[in-house]
Amino acid sequence: MFSELYLKTENSEFLDVYIAALPRGGADASLIEHEGRREELLLVKNERLFLEKFYSWRLLEKALGLRFAKTPSELGLAKNAIGAWTSPYAYVSISHSGGALAVAVSSAPVGVDVEKVGAPRSEKFAERMLNERELSLFCDTPDGMKSKMLMRLWTMKEALFKASGKERFVPRFTDTSSGASSRVVLLGEECFVVSYASSLPDKIGIRVTQL
């Protein structure tokens, strides 16, 4: 059950999804007010991964601030037994990849995933990851659209898995026929696919923002 702060929000049900480009420049872990995330960042040795983790948390701070006017620490954000961030006030999900950041904040279980659209993956990848219905849809897609279609299906599966709260991700058994929405977003000159999964209806859609 959510706490009193959740019950006092303007809308009892909400779903906020944001996507942003990775800012240029450096980052300083000491600027993260949440102790758990700050300590986690200090263990990251890869510079690119550090930047994506730093700024994706900044995006989450922005989303929570706009929804609650509270920081992640004030909202009691902590990792659960399977390593996902949880709060008594909202469900949250974070994703970062290829220079894009995405977060979701919701009153219902939610998952978000973002991927850069690049060179088409092999047919074998599609065969391993897609079920029969999805593979048929992929094979019927014109060659020039196959990369975006595969990224749509893949990110939807990732989002559905994150929303499920399960410990093990089995892509072929994660069906994309319902419960997930997807959008192609252009950030600068790069094309990304962002998907989110939630039981709540899509009232606002994905918001493109800046950090």
Foldseek 3Di string as FASTA:
>chain_A
DADPLLVPFPDVWDKAKEKEFQDDDADDLVPQPDPVLSVVLVPDDDRVVSSQSRVLQVVVQVVCCVRRVDGCVVQVWDADPLGATDGSRWAKEWEDEDRMTMMMTINAQKFKYKYFQDDADDLVVCVQQAEPVLNVVLVPDPPVCNSVSVQQLVRLQRTQVRSVPDNDRRRHPRDNPDFKDKDWDQHPNTIMIMMMGGPDDDDPDYHYDYD
